[in-house]
PDB file of N, CA and C in Angstrom:
ATOM      1  N   MET A   1      13.460   1.234 -41.157  1.00  0.00           N
ATOM      2  CA  MET A   1      13.666   0.890 -39.785  1.00  0.00           C
ATOM      3  C   MET A   1      13.798   2.135 -38.885  1.00  0.00           C
ATOM      4  N   ALA A   2      13.762   3.273 -39.446  1.00  0.00           N
ATOM      5  CA  ALA A   2      13.861   4.518 -38.640  1.00  0.00           C
ATOM      6  C   ALA A   2      12.722   4.611 -37.671  1.00  0.00           C
ATOM      7  N   GLY A   3      11.549   4.130 -38.055  1.00  0.00           N
ATOM      8  CA  GLY A   3      10.391   4.103 -37.163  1.00  0.00           C
ATOM      9  C   GLY A   3      10.611   3.246 -35.938  1.00  0.00           C
ATOM     10  N   THR A   4      11.341   2.139 -36.095  1.00  0.00           N
ATOM     11  CA  THR A   4      11.667   1.284 -34.991  1.00  0.00           C
ATOM     12  C   THR A   4      12.509   1.997 -33.943  1.00  0.00           C
ATOM     13  N   ASN A   5      13.517   2.753 -34.394  1.00  0.00           N
ATOM     14  CA  ASN A   5      14.372   3.493 -33.538  1.00  0.00           C
ATOM     15  C   ASN A   5      13.567   4.578 -32.744  1.00  0.00           C
ATOM     16  N   PHE A   6      12.636   5.237 -33.452  1.00  0.00           N
ATOM     17  CA  PHE A   6      11.817   6.211 -32.796  1.00  0.00           C
ATOM     18  C   PHE A   6      11.087   5.595 -31.570  1.00  0.00           C
ATOM     19  N   TRP A   7      10.462   4.425 -31.799  1.00  0.00           N
ATOM     20  CA  TRP A   7       9.691   3.808 -30.727  1.00  0.00           C
ATOM     21  C   TRP A   7      10.594   3.349 -29.567  1.00  0.00           C
ATOM     22  N   LYS A   8      11.808   2.877 -29.878  1.00  0.00           N
ATOM     23  CA  LYS A   8      12.770   2.496 -28.870  1.00  0.00           C
ATOM     24  C   LYS A   8      13.139   3.700 -28.010  1.00  0.00           C
ATOM     25  N   VAL A   9      13.418   4.823 -28.624  1.00  0.00           N
ATOM     26  CA  VAL A   9      13.755   6.064 -27.928  1.00  0.00           C
ATOM     27  C   VAL A   9      12.553   6.527 -27.110  1.00  0.00           C
ATOM     28  N   PHE A  10      11.391   6.503 -27.729  1.00  0.00           N
ATOM     29  CA  PHE A  10      10.164   6.931 -27.010  1.00  0.00           C
ATOM     30  C   PHE A  10       9.928   6.057 -25.807  1.00  0.00           C
ATOM     31  N   LEU A  11       9.996   4.753 -25.919  1.00  0.00           N
ATOM     32  CA  LEU A  11       9.777   3.858 -24.806  1.00  0.00           C
ATOM     33  C   LEU A  11      10.825   4.095 -23.710  1.00  0.00           C
ATOM     34  N   PHE A  12      12.071   4.187 -24.102  1.00  0.00           N
ATOM     35  CA  PHE A  12      13.174   4.458 -23.107  1.00  0.00           C
ATOM     36  C   PHE A  12      12.892   5.750 -22.337  1.00  0.00           C
ATOM     37  N   THR A  13      12.518   6.790 -23.065  1.00  0.00           N
ATOM     38  CA  THR A  13      12.266   8.098 -22.439  1.00  0.00           C
ATOM     39  C   THR A  13      11.034   7.990 -21.515  1.00  0.00           C
ATOM     40  N   ALA A  14       9.993   7.340 -21.950  1.00  0.00           N
ATOM     41  CA  ALA A  14       8.784   7.188 -21.130  1.00  0.00           C
ATOM     42  C   ALA A  14       9.100   6.418 -19.829  1.00  0.00           C
ATOM     43  N   VAL A  15       9.860   5.336 -19.971  1.00  0.00           N
ATOM     44  CA  VAL A  15      10.230   4.566 -18.782  1.00  0.00           C
ATOM     45  C   VAL A  15      11.084   5.390 -17.835  1.00  0.00           C
ATOM     46  N   GLY A  16      12.026   6.152 -18.387  1.00  0.00           N
ATOM     47  CA  GLY A  16      12.882   7.014 -17.567  1.00  0.00           C
ATOM     48  C   GLY A  16      12.085   8.075 -16.833  1.00  0.00           C
ATOM     49  N   ILE A  17      11.147   8.693 -17.519  1.00  0.00           N
ATOM     50  CA  ILE A  17      10.319   9.711 -16.862  1.00  0.00           C
ATOM     51  C   ILE A  17       9.474   9.102 -15.798  1.00  0.00           C
ATOM     52  N   SER A  18       8.832   7.970 -16.079  1.00  0.00           N
ATOM     53  CA  SER A  18       7.962   7.333 -15.067  1.00  0.00           C
ATOM     54  C   SER A  18       8.780   6.898 -13.844  1.00  0.00           C
ATOM     55  N   THR A  19       9.998   6.448 -14.092  1.00  0.00           N
ATOM     56  CA  THR A  19      10.894   6.072 -12.967  1.00  0.00           C
ATOM     57  C   THR A  19      11.238   7.316 -12.178  1.00  0.00           C
ATOM     58  N   LEU A  20      11.488   8.411 -12.788  1.00  0.00           N
ATOM     59  CA  LEU A  20      11.838   9.650 -12.130  1.00  0.00           C
ATOM     60  C   LEU A  20      10.715  10.116 -11.191  1.00  0.00           C
ATOM     61  N   PHE A  21       9.482   9.939 -11.663  1.00  0.00           N
ATOM     62  CA  PHE A  21       8.337  10.432 -10.917  1.00  0.00           C
ATOM     63  C   PHE A  21       7.643   9.336 -10.091  1.00  0.00           C
ATOM     64  N   THR A  22       8.283   8.172  -9.871  1.00  0.00           N
ATOM     65  CA  THR A  22       7.649   7.113  -9.109  1.00  0.00           C
ATOM     66  C   THR A  22       7.250   7.646  -7.740  1.00  0.00           C
ATOM     67  N   GLY A  23       6.040   7.326  -7.282  1.00  0.00           N
ATOM     68  CA  GLY A  23       5.588   7.765  -6.014  1.00  0.00           C
ATOM     69  C   GLY A  23       4.763   9.062  -6.047  1.00  0.00           C
ATOM     70  N   ILE A  24       4.677   9.688  -7.199  1.00  0.00           N
ATOM     71  CA  ILE A  24       3.879  10.909  -7.316  1.00  0.00           C
ATOM     72  C   ILE A  24       2.599  10.506  -8.062  1.00  0.00           C
ATOM     73  N   ALA A  25       1.486  10.635  -7.382  1.00  0.00           N
ATOM     74  CA  ALA A  25       0.195  10.349  -8.016  1.00  0.00           C
ATOM     75  C   ALA A  25      -0.577  11.616  -8.250  1.00  0.00           C
ATOM     76  N   VAL A  26      -1.162  11.712  -9.417  1.00  0.00           N
ATOM     77  CA  VAL A  26      -1.939  12.897  -9.701  1.00  0.00           C
ATOM     78  C   VAL A  26      -3.322  12.430 -10.173  1.00  0.00           C
ATOM     79  N   THR A  27      -4.343  13.087  -9.687  1.00  0.00           N
ATOM     80  CA  THR A  27      -5.712  12.737 -10.091  1.00  0.00           C
ATOM     81  C   THR A  27      -5.945  13.296 -11.474  1.00  0.00           C
ATOM     82  N   ALA A  28      -7.125  12.932 -12.032  1.00  0.00           N
ATOM     83  CA  ALA A  28      -7.464  13.399 -13.412  1.00  0.00           C
ATOM     84  C   ALA A  28      -7.553  14.941 -13.408  1.00  0.00           C
ATOM     85  N   SER A  29      -7.867  15.535 -12.287  1.00  0.00           N
ATOM     86  CA  SER A  29      -8.021  16.991 -12.255  1.00  0.00           C
ATOM     87  C   SER A  29      -6.648  17.649 -12.064  1.00  0.00           C
ATOM     88  N   GLY A  30      -5.629  16.849 -11.804  1.00  0.00           N
ATOM     89  CA  GLY A  30      -4.306  17.442 -11.668  1.00  0.00           C
ATOM     90  C   GLY A  30      -3.899  17.713 -10.245  1.00  0.00           C
ATOM     91  N   ALA A  31      -4.789  17.443  -9.287  1.00  0.00           N
ATOM     92  CA  ALA A  31      -4.445  17.710  -7.873  1.00  0.00           C
ATOM     93  C   ALA A  31      -3.499  16.628  -7.385  1.00  0.00           C
ATOM     94  N   GLU A  32      -2.469  17.065  -6.628  1.00  0.00           N
ATOM     95  CA  GLU A  32      -1.502  16.082  -6.137  1.00  0.00           C
ATOM     96  C   GLU A  32      -2.135  15.236  -5.016  1.00  0.00           C
ATOM     97  N   GLN A  33      -1.729  14.008  -4.968  1.00  0.00           N
ATOM     98  CA  GLN A  33      -2.162  13.046  -3.957  1.00  0.00           C
ATOM     99  C   GLN A  33      -1.076  12.974  -2.897  1.00  0.00           C
ATOM    100  N   GLU A  34      -1.472  12.532  -1.704  1.00  0.00           N
ATOM    101  CA  GLU A  34      -0.487  12.238  -0.666  1.00  0.00           C
ATOM    102  C   GLU A  34      -0.218  10.754  -0.720  1.00  0.00           C
ATOM    103  N   VAL A  35       1.035  10.368  -0.628  1.00  0.00           N
ATOM    104  CA  VAL A  35       1.452   9.025  -0.791  1.00  0.00           C
ATOM    105  C   VAL A  35       1.926   8.447   0.523  1.00  0.00           C
ATOM    106  N   LEU A  36       1.461   7.234   0.837  1.00  0.00           N
ATOM    107  CA  LEU A  36       1.888   6.537   2.028  1.00  0.00           C
ATOM    108  C   LEU A  36       2.574   5.241   1.591  1.00  0.00           C
ATOM    109  N   LYS A  37       3.843   5.108   2.000  1.00  0.00           N
ATOM    110  CA  LYS A  37       4.584   3.864   1.765  1.00  0.00           C
ATOM    111  C   LYS A  37       4.626   3.095   3.031  1.00  0.00           C
ATOM    112  N   TYR A  38       4.555   1.778   2.934  1.00  0.00           N
ATOM    113  CA  TYR A  38       4.473   0.927   4.106  1.00  0.00           C
ATOM    114  C   TYR A  38       5.029  -0.447   3.845  1.00  0.00           C
ATOM    115  N   ARG A  39       5.459  -1.092   4.912  1.00  0.00           N
ATOM    116  CA  ARG A  39       5.892  -2.484   4.849  1.00  0.00           C
ATOM    117  C   ARG A  39       5.877  -3.076   6.266  1.00  0.00           C
ATOM    118  N   LEU A  40       5.767  -4.390   6.329  1.00  0.00           N
ATOM    119  CA  LEU A  40       5.850  -5.155   7.529  1.00  0.00           C
ATOM    120  C   LEU A  40       6.722  -6.385   7.209  1.00  0.00           C
ATOM    121  N   VAL A  41       8.033  -6.221   7.486  1.00  0.00           N
ATOM    122  CA  VAL A  41       9.002  -7.238   7.057  1.00  0.00           C
ATOM    123  C   VAL A  41       8.778  -8.559   7.802  1.00  0.00           C
ATOM    124  N   LYS A  42       8.662  -8.468   9.154  1.00  0.00           N
ATOM    125  CA  LYS A  42       8.519  -9.651   9.939  1.00  0.00           C
ATOM    126  C   LYS A  42       7.037  -9.939  10.114  1.00  0.00           C
ATOM    127  N   ALA A  43       6.609 -11.174   9.773  1.00  0.00           N
ATOM    128  CA  ALA A  43       5.213 -11.538   9.929  1.00  0.00           C
ATOM    129  C   ALA A  43       4.760 -11.298  11.370  1.00  0.00           C
ATOM    130  N   LYS A  44       3.487 -10.946  11.497  1.00  0.00           N
ATOM    131  CA  LYS A  44       2.918 -10.631  12.804  1.00  0.00           C
ATOM    132  C   LYS A  44       1.519 -11.302  12.887  1.00  0.00           C
ATOM    133  N   THR A  45       1.177 -11.779  14.077  1.00  0.00           N
ATOM    134  CA  THR A  45      -0.158 -12.329  14.286  1.00  0.00           C
ATOM    135  C   THR A  45      -0.900 -11.460  15.286  1.00  0.00           C
ATOM    136  N   LEU A  46      -2.078 -11.060  14.903  1.00  0.00           N
ATOM    137  CA  LEU A  46      -2.941 -10.267  15.743  1.00  0.00           C
ATOM    138  C   LEU A  46      -4.062 -11.160  16.324  1.00  0.00           C
ATOM    139  N   HIS A  47      -4.410 -10.925  17.573  1.00  0.00           N
ATOM    140  CA  HIS A  47      -5.476 -11.664  18.185  1.00  0.00           C
ATOM    141  C   HIS A  47      -6.718 -10.750  18.245  1.00  0.00           C
ATOM    142  N   LEU A  48      -7.737 -11.092  17.486  1.00  0.00           N
ATOM    143  CA  LEU A  48      -8.939 -10.280  17.362  1.00  0.00           C
ATOM    144  C   LEU A  48     -10.098 -11.028  18.007  1.00  0.00           C
ATOM    145  N   ASP A  49     -10.957 -10.306  18.724  1.00  0.00           N
ATOM    146  CA  ASP A  49     -12.022 -10.901  19.474  1.00  0.00           C
ATOM    147  C   ASP A  49     -13.278 -11.263  18.690  1.00  0.00           C
ATOM    148  N   ASP A  50     -13.495 -10.594  17.559  1.00  0.00           N
ATOM    149  CA  ASP A  50     -14.713 -10.901  16.839  1.00  0.00           C
ATOM    150  C   ASP A  50     -14.504 -11.032  15.323  1.00  0.00           C
ATOM    151  N   GLU A  51     -15.426 -11.749  14.694  1.00  0.00           N
ATOM    152  CA  GLU A  51     -15.336 -12.027  13.264  1.00  0.00           C
ATOM    153  C   GLU A  51     -15.467 -10.751  12.425  1.00  0.00           C
ATOM    154  N   ALA A  52     -16.333  -9.823  12.818  1.00  0.00           N
ATOM    155  CA  ALA A  52     -16.541  -8.643  12.054  1.00  0.00           C
ATOM    156  C   ALA A  52     -15.243  -7.792  11.980  1.00  0.00           C
ATOM    157  N   THR A  53     -14.527  -7.688  13.106  1.00  0.00           N
ATOM    158  CA  THR A  53     -13.257  -6.991  13.106  1.00  0.00           C
ATOM    159  C   THR A  53     -12.232  -7.693  12.221  1.00  0.00           C
ATOM    160  N   ALA A  54     -12.163  -9.016  12.327  1.00  0.00           N
ATOM    161  CA  ALA A  54     -11.253  -9.805  11.526  1.00  0.00           C
ATOM    162  C   ALA A  54     -11.500  -9.576  10.040  1.00  0.00           C
ATOM    163  N   LYS A  55     -12.755  -9.644   9.634  1.00  0.00           N
ATOM    164  CA  LYS A  55     -13.117  -9.449   8.247  1.00  0.00           C
ATOM    165  C   LYS A  55     -12.774  -8.032   7.751  1.00  0.00           C
ATOM    166  N   SER A  56     -13.034  -7.046   8.605  1.00  0.00           N
ATOM    167  CA  SER A  56     -12.694  -5.649   8.272  1.00  0.00           C
ATOM    168  C   SER A  56     -11.212  -5.485   8.066  1.00  0.00           C
ATOM    169  N   TYR A  57     -10.370  -6.051   8.961  1.00  0.00           N
ATOM    170  CA  TYR A  57      -8.937  -5.966   8.829  1.00  0.00           C
ATOM    171  C   TYR A  57      -8.475  -6.664   7.526  1.00  0.00           C
ATOM    172  N   ILE A  58      -9.034  -7.844   7.251  1.00  0.00           N
ATOM    173  CA  ILE A  58      -8.633  -8.579   6.047  1.00  0.00           C
ATOM    174  C   ILE A  58      -8.935  -7.779   4.816  1.00  0.00           C
ATOM    175  N   LYS A  59     -10.116  -7.175   4.790  1.00  0.00           N
ATOM    176  CA  LYS A  59     -10.540  -6.371   3.625  1.00  0.00           C
ATOM    177  C   LYS A  59      -9.610  -5.168   3.432  1.00  0.00           C
ATOM    178  N   SER A  60      -9.309  -4.483   4.517  1.00  0.00           N
ATOM    179  CA  SER A  60      -8.437  -3.324   4.459  1.00  0.00           C
ATOM    180  C   SER A  60      -6.997  -3.693   4.034  1.00  0.00           C
ATOM    181  N   LEU A  61      -6.503  -4.766   4.634  1.00  0.00           N
ATOM    182  CA  LEU A  61      -5.122  -5.219   4.290  1.00  0.00           C
ATOM    183  C   LEU A  61      -5.048  -5.684   2.842  1.00  0.00           C
ATOM    184  N   LYS A  62      -6.085  -6.384   2.410  1.00  0.00           N
ATOM    185  CA  LYS A  62      -6.113  -6.847   1.009  1.00  0.00           C
ATOM    186  C   LYS A  62      -6.117  -5.664   0.061  1.00  0.00           C
ATOM    187  N   SER A  63      -6.888  -4.607   0.402  1.00  0.00           N
ATOM    188  CA  SER A  63      -6.959  -3.441  -0.498  1.00  0.00           C
ATOM    189  C   SER A  63      -5.585  -2.740  -0.611  1.00  0.00           C
ATOM    190  N   LEU A  64      -4.733  -2.958   0.400  1.00  0.00           N
ATOM    191  CA  LEU A  64      -3.386  -2.359   0.396  1.00  0.00           C
ATOM    192  C   LEU A  64      -2.359  -3.329  -0.190  1.00  0.00           C
ATOM    193  N   GLY A  65      -2.778  -4.533  -0.594  1.00  0.00           N
ATOM    194  CA  GLY A  65      -1.881  -5.501  -1.204  1.00  0.00           C
ATOM    195  C   GLY A  65      -1.072  -6.328  -0.225  1.00  0.00           C
ATOM    196  N   CYS A  66      -1.484  -6.379   1.017  1.00  0.00           N
ATOM    197  CA  CYS A  66      -0.756  -7.079   2.069  1.00  0.00           C
ATOM    198  C   CYS A  66      -1.264  -8.549   2.123  1.00  0.00           C
ATOM    199  N   GLU A  67      -0.334  -9.430   2.501  1.00  0.00           N
ATOM    200  CA  GLU A  67      -0.663 -10.832   2.720  1.00  0.00           C
ATOM    201  C   GLU A  67      -1.329 -10.986   4.082  1.00  0.00           C
ATOM    202  N   SER A  68      -2.409 -11.782   4.126  1.00  0.00           N
ATOM    203  CA  SER A  68      -3.047 -12.011   5.409  1.00  0.00           C
ATOM    204  C   SER A  68      -3.721 -13.385   5.431  1.00  0.00           C
ATOM    205  N   LYS A  69      -3.808 -13.967   6.597  1.00  0.00           N
ATOM    206  CA  LYS A  69      -4.438 -15.237   6.766  1.00  0.00           C
ATOM    207  C   LYS A  69      -5.076 -15.271   8.129  1.00  0.00           C
ATOM    208  N   VAL A  70      -6.315 -15.824   8.236  1.00  0.00           N
ATOM    209  CA  VAL A  70      -7.011 -15.797   9.519  1.00  0.00           C
ATOM    210  C   VAL A  70      -7.343 -17.234   9.927  1.00  0.00           C
ATOM    211  N   ALA A  71      -7.279 -17.467  11.261  1.00  0.00           N
ATOM    212  CA  ALA A  71      -7.676 -18.767  11.804  1.00  0.00           C
ATOM    213  C   ALA A  71      -8.573 -18.461  13.012  1.00  0.00           C
ATOM    214  N   ASN A  72      -9.627 -19.227  13.172  1.00  0.00           N
ATOM    215  CA  ASN A  72     -10.595 -19.065  14.233  1.00  0.00           C
ATOM    216  C   ASN A  72     -10.368 -20.205  15.231  1.00  0.00           C
ATOM    217  N   HIS A  73     -10.042 -19.871  16.462  1.00  0.00           N
ATOM    218  CA  HIS A  73      -9.880 -20.880  17.498  1.00  0.00           C
ATOM    219  C   HIS A  73      -9.935 -20.274  18.895  1.00  0.00           C
ATOM    220  N   GLY A  74     -10.325 -21.074  19.836  1.00  0.00           N
ATOM    221  CA  GLY A  74     -10.362 -20.604  21.248  1.00  0.00           C
ATOM    222  C   GLY A  74     -11.159 -19.361  21.510  1.00  0.00           C
ATOM    223  N   GLY A  75     -12.231 -19.137  20.698  1.00  0.00           N
ATOM    224  CA  GLY A  75     -13.070 -17.953  20.941  1.00  0.00           C
ATOM    225  C   GLY A  75     -12.514 -16.669  20.391  1.00  0.00           C
ATOM    226  N   HIS A  76     -11.442 -16.747  19.605  1.00  0.00           N
ATOM    227  CA  HIS A  76     -10.901 -15.485  19.016  1.00  0.00           C
ATOM    228  C   HIS A  76     -10.339 -15.835  17.613  1.00  0.00           C
ATOM    229  N   PHE A  77      -9.889 -14.813  16.907  1.00  0.00           N
ATOM    230  CA  PHE A  77      -9.379 -14.935  15.577  1.00  0.00           C
ATOM    231  C   PHE A  77      -7.911 -14.518  15.559  1.00  0.00           C
ATOM    232  N   ASP A  78      -7.085 -15.402  14.992  1.00  0.00           N
ATOM    233  CA  ASP A  78      -5.671 -15.058  14.797  1.00  0.00           C
ATOM    234  C   ASP A  78      -5.476 -14.593  13.348  1.00  0.00           C
ATOM    235  N   LEU A  79      -5.078 -13.364  13.167  1.00  0.00           N
ATOM    236  CA  LEU A  79      -4.856 -12.838  11.822  1.00  0.00           C
ATOM    237  C   LEU A  79      -3.373 -12.640  11.660  1.00  0.00           C
ATOM    238  N   SER A  80      -2.800 -13.434  10.728  1.00  0.00           N
ATOM    239  CA  SER A  80      -1.368 -13.330  10.422  1.00  0.00           C
ATOM    240  C   SER A  80      -1.221 -12.415   9.224  1.00  0.00           C
ATOM    241  N   ILE A  81      -0.311 -11.443   9.336  1.00  0.00           N
ATOM    242  CA  ILE A  81      -0.109 -10.455   8.261  1.00  0.00           C
ATOM    243  C   ILE A  81       1.369 -10.320   7.970  1.00  0.00           C
ATOM    244  N   GLN A  82       1.681  -9.892   6.697  1.00  0.00           N
ATOM    245  CA  GLN A  82       3.027  -9.611   6.278  1.00  0.00           C
ATOM    246  C   GLN A  82       2.975  -8.828   4.981  1.00  0.00           C
ATOM    247  N   SER A  83       3.914  -7.945   4.807  1.00  0.00           N
ATOM    248  CA  SER A  83       4.061  -7.176   3.552  1.00  0.00           C
ATOM    249  C   SER A  83       5.515  -6.806   3.426  1.00  0.00           C
ATOM    250  N   MET A  84       6.338  -7.736   2.919  1.00  0.00           N
ATOM    251  CA  MET A  84       7.776  -7.529   2.910  1.00  0.00           C
ATOM    252  C   MET A  84       8.249  -6.369   1.992  1.00  0.00           C
ATOM    253  N   PRO A  85       7.874  -6.333   0.736  1.00  0.00           N
ATOM    254  CA  PRO A  85       8.376  -5.206  -0.034  1.00  0.00           C
ATOM    255  C   PRO A  85       7.625  -3.938   0.328  1.00  0.00           C
ATOM    256  N   TRP A  86       8.303  -2.815   0.097  1.00  0.00           N
ATOM    257  CA  TRP A  86       7.626  -1.506   0.283  1.00  0.00           C
ATOM    258  C   TRP A  86       6.454  -1.460  -0.685  1.00  0.00           C
ATOM    259  N   ARG A  87       5.329  -1.036  -0.218  1.00  0.00           N
ATOM    260  CA  ARG A  87       4.143  -0.816  -1.048  1.00  0.00           C
ATOM    261  C   ARG A  87       3.754   0.643  -0.862  1.00  0.00           C
ATOM    262  N   GLU A  88       2.844   1.123  -1.721  1.00  0.00           N
ATOM    263  CA  GLU A  88       2.401   2.491  -1.531  1.00  0.00           C
ATOM    264  C   GLU A  88       0.922   2.611  -1.944  1.00  0.00           C
ATOM    265  N   ALA A  89       0.305   3.596  -1.321  1.00  0.00           N
ATOM    266  CA  ALA A  89      -1.084   3.921  -1.608  1.00  0.00           C
ATOM    267  C   ALA A  89      -1.192   5.449  -1.647  1.00  0.00           C
ATOM    268  N   SER A  90      -2.071   5.917  -2.546  1.00  0.00           N
ATOM    269  CA  SER A  90      -2.281   7.396  -2.644  1.00  0.00           C
ATOM    270  C   SER A  90      -3.630   7.752  -2.041  1.00  0.00           C
ATOM    271  N   PHE A  91      -3.646   8.933  -1.395  1.00  0.00           N
ATOM    272  CA  PHE A  91      -4.841   9.395  -0.748  1.00  0.00           C
ATOM    273  C   PHE A  91      -5.081  10.852  -1.147  1.00  0.00           C
ATOM    274  N   SER A  92      -6.360  11.227  -1.188  1.00  0.00           N
ATOM    275  CA  SER A  92      -6.714  12.573  -1.678  1.00  0.00           C
ATOM    276  C   SER A  92      -6.594  13.608  -0.637  1.00  0.00           C
ATOM    277  N   SER A  93      -6.451  13.238   0.644  1.00  0.00           N
ATOM    278  CA  SER A  93      -6.369  14.254   1.700  1.00  0.00           C
ATOM    279  C   SER A  93      -5.361  13.881   2.753  1.00  0.00           C
ATOM    280  N   HIS A  94      -4.852  14.889   3.442  1.00  0.00           N
ATOM    281  CA  HIS A  94      -3.929  14.702   4.542  1.00  0.00           C
ATOM    282  C   HIS A  94      -4.582  13.879   5.658  1.00  0.00           C
ATOM    283  N   ALA A  95      -5.826  14.185   5.930  1.00  0.00           N
ATOM    284  CA  ALA A  95      -6.557  13.494   7.012  1.00  0.00           C
ATOM    285  C   ALA A  95      -6.678  12.007   6.719  1.00  0.00           C
ATOM    286  N   ALA A  96      -6.961  11.631   5.465  1.00  0.00           N
ATOM    287  CA  ALA A  96      -7.091  10.223   5.099  1.00  0.00           C
ATOM    288  C   ALA A  96      -5.766   9.507   5.247  1.00  0.00           C
ATOM    289  N   VAL A  97      -4.702  10.068   4.715  1.00  0.00           N
ATOM    290  CA  VAL A  97      -3.393   9.409   4.790  1.00  0.00           C
ATOM    291  C   VAL A  97      -2.951   9.274   6.227  1.00  0.00           C
ATOM    292  N   THR A  98      -3.235  10.284   7.040  1.00  0.00           N
ATOM    293  CA  THR A  98      -2.855  10.234   8.462  1.00  0.00           C
ATOM    294  C   THR A  98      -3.552   9.108   9.198  1.00  0.00           C
ATOM    295  N   LYS A  99      -4.871   8.980   8.868  1.00  0.00           N
ATOM    296  CA  LYS A  99      -5.692   7.908   9.497  1.00  0.00           C
ATOM    297  C   LYS A  99      -5.090   6.507   9.144  1.00  0.00           C
ATOM    298  N   TRP A 100      -4.814   6.300   7.887  1.00  0.00           N
ATOM    299  CA  TRP A 100      -4.260   4.974   7.465  1.00  0.00           C
ATOM    300  C   TRP A 100      -2.867   4.751   8.049  1.00  0.00           C
ATOM    301  N   GLU A 101      -2.080   5.803   8.053  1.00  0.00           N
ATOM    302  CA  GLU A 101      -0.711   5.682   8.618  1.00  0.00           C
ATOM    303  C   GLU A 101      -0.773   5.312  10.079  1.00  0.00           C
ATOM    304  N   LYS A 102      -1.621   5.961  10.834  1.00  0.00           N
ATOM    305  CA  LYS A 102      -1.785   5.651  12.261  1.00  0.00           C
ATOM    306  C   LYS A 102      -2.197   4.201  12.477  1.00  0.00           C
ATOM    307  N   TRP A 103      -3.178   3.739  11.654  1.00  0.00           N
ATOM    308  CA  TRP A 103      -3.648   2.358  11.774  1.00  0.00           C
ATOM    309  C   TRP A 103      -2.537   1.360  11.449  1.00  0.00           C
ATOM    310  N   LEU A 104      -1.816   1.580  10.357  1.00  0.00           N
ATOM    311  CA  LEU A 104      -0.731   0.674   9.969  1.00  0.00           C
ATOM    312  C   LEU A 104       0.367   0.617  11.012  1.00  0.00           C
ATOM    313  N   LYS A 105       0.740   1.790  11.556  1.00  0.00           N
ATOM    314  CA  LYS A 105       1.693   1.797  12.627  1.00  0.00           C
ATOM    315  C   LYS A 105       1.272   1.056  13.886  1.00  0.00           C
ATOM    316  N   SER A 106      -0.041   1.137  14.166  1.00  0.00           N
ATOM    317  CA  SER A 106      -0.558   0.412  15.296  1.00  0.00           C
ATOM    318  C   SER A 106      -0.433  -1.112  15.101  1.00  0.00           C
ATOM    319  N   LEU A 107      -0.348  -1.556  13.858  1.00  0.00           N
ATOM    320  CA  LEU A 107      -0.190  -3.003  13.524  1.00  0.00           C
ATOM    321  C   LEU A 107       1.298  -3.364  13.440  1.00  0.00           C
ATOM    322  N   GLY A 108       2.178  -2.372  13.567  1.00  0.00           N
ATOM    323  CA  GLY A 108       3.608  -2.649  13.524  1.00  0.00           C
ATOM    324  C   GLY A 108       4.308  -2.397  12.196  1.00  0.00           C
ATOM    325  N   PHE A 109       3.550  -1.789  11.248  1.00  0.00           N
ATOM    326  CA  PHE A 109       4.165  -1.467   9.960  1.00  0.00           C
ATOM    327  C   PHE A 109       5.178  -0.290  10.065  1.00  0.00           C
ATOM    328  N   GLU A 110       6.149  -0.341   9.220  1.00  0.00           N
ATOM    329  CA  GLU A 110       7.032   0.836   8.990  1.00  0.00           C
ATOM    330  C   GLU A 110       6.272   1.681   7.932  1.00  0.00           C
ATOM    331  N   THR A 111       6.260   2.969   8.120  1.00  0.00           N
ATOM    332  CA  THR A 111       5.589   3.825   7.153  1.00  0.00           C
ATOM    333  C   THR A 111       6.458   5.007   6.765  1.00  0.00           C
ATOM    334  N   ARG A 112       6.208   5.540   5.594  1.00  0.00           N
ATOM    335  CA  ARG A 112       6.784   6.775   5.094  1.00  0.00           C
ATOM    336  C   ARG A 112       5.650   7.599   4.428  1.00  0.00           C
ATOM    337  N   HIS A 113       5.457   8.772   4.914  1.00  0.00           N
ATOM    338  CA  HIS A 113       4.360   9.642   4.400  1.00  0.00           C
ATOM    339  C   HIS A 113       4.985  10.719   3.548  1.00  0.00           C
ATOM    340  N   GLU A 114       4.608  10.810   2.259  1.00  0.00           N
ATOM    341  CA  GLU A 114       5.173  11.790   1.359  1.00  0.00           C
ATOM    342  C   GLU A 114       4.049  12.678   0.816  1.00  0.00           C
ATOM    343  N   HIS A 115       4.392  13.911   0.516  1.00  0.00           N
ATOM    344  CA  HIS A 115       3.430  14.871  -0.038  1.00  0.00           C
ATOM    345  C   HIS A 115       3.787  15.047  -1.490  1.00  0.00           C
TER     346      HIS A 115
END
């Protein structure tokens, strides 16, 4: 049973190390990524004028793991969004993370940008 103890210690150590480094993303080449944390605690509805914009927003929000729902009425689209828990995404450049952070803030998200 000594082997069982080894794996318990290994697993505990691995979980501890991954918890210690949560939020740090490294590419295969070893270059550090920039991390953007975000949330939108209170649901919000956006009024969008065209279907293409609504679909683009839905695709972007879905890629970030946010909840969204769209309704078409009165010649416009109502897009309801929410993301209660803090989520995070990694970006390869400062310019990319800044772009996404600016867009999320314009939608009312709280953000935290980490290097």
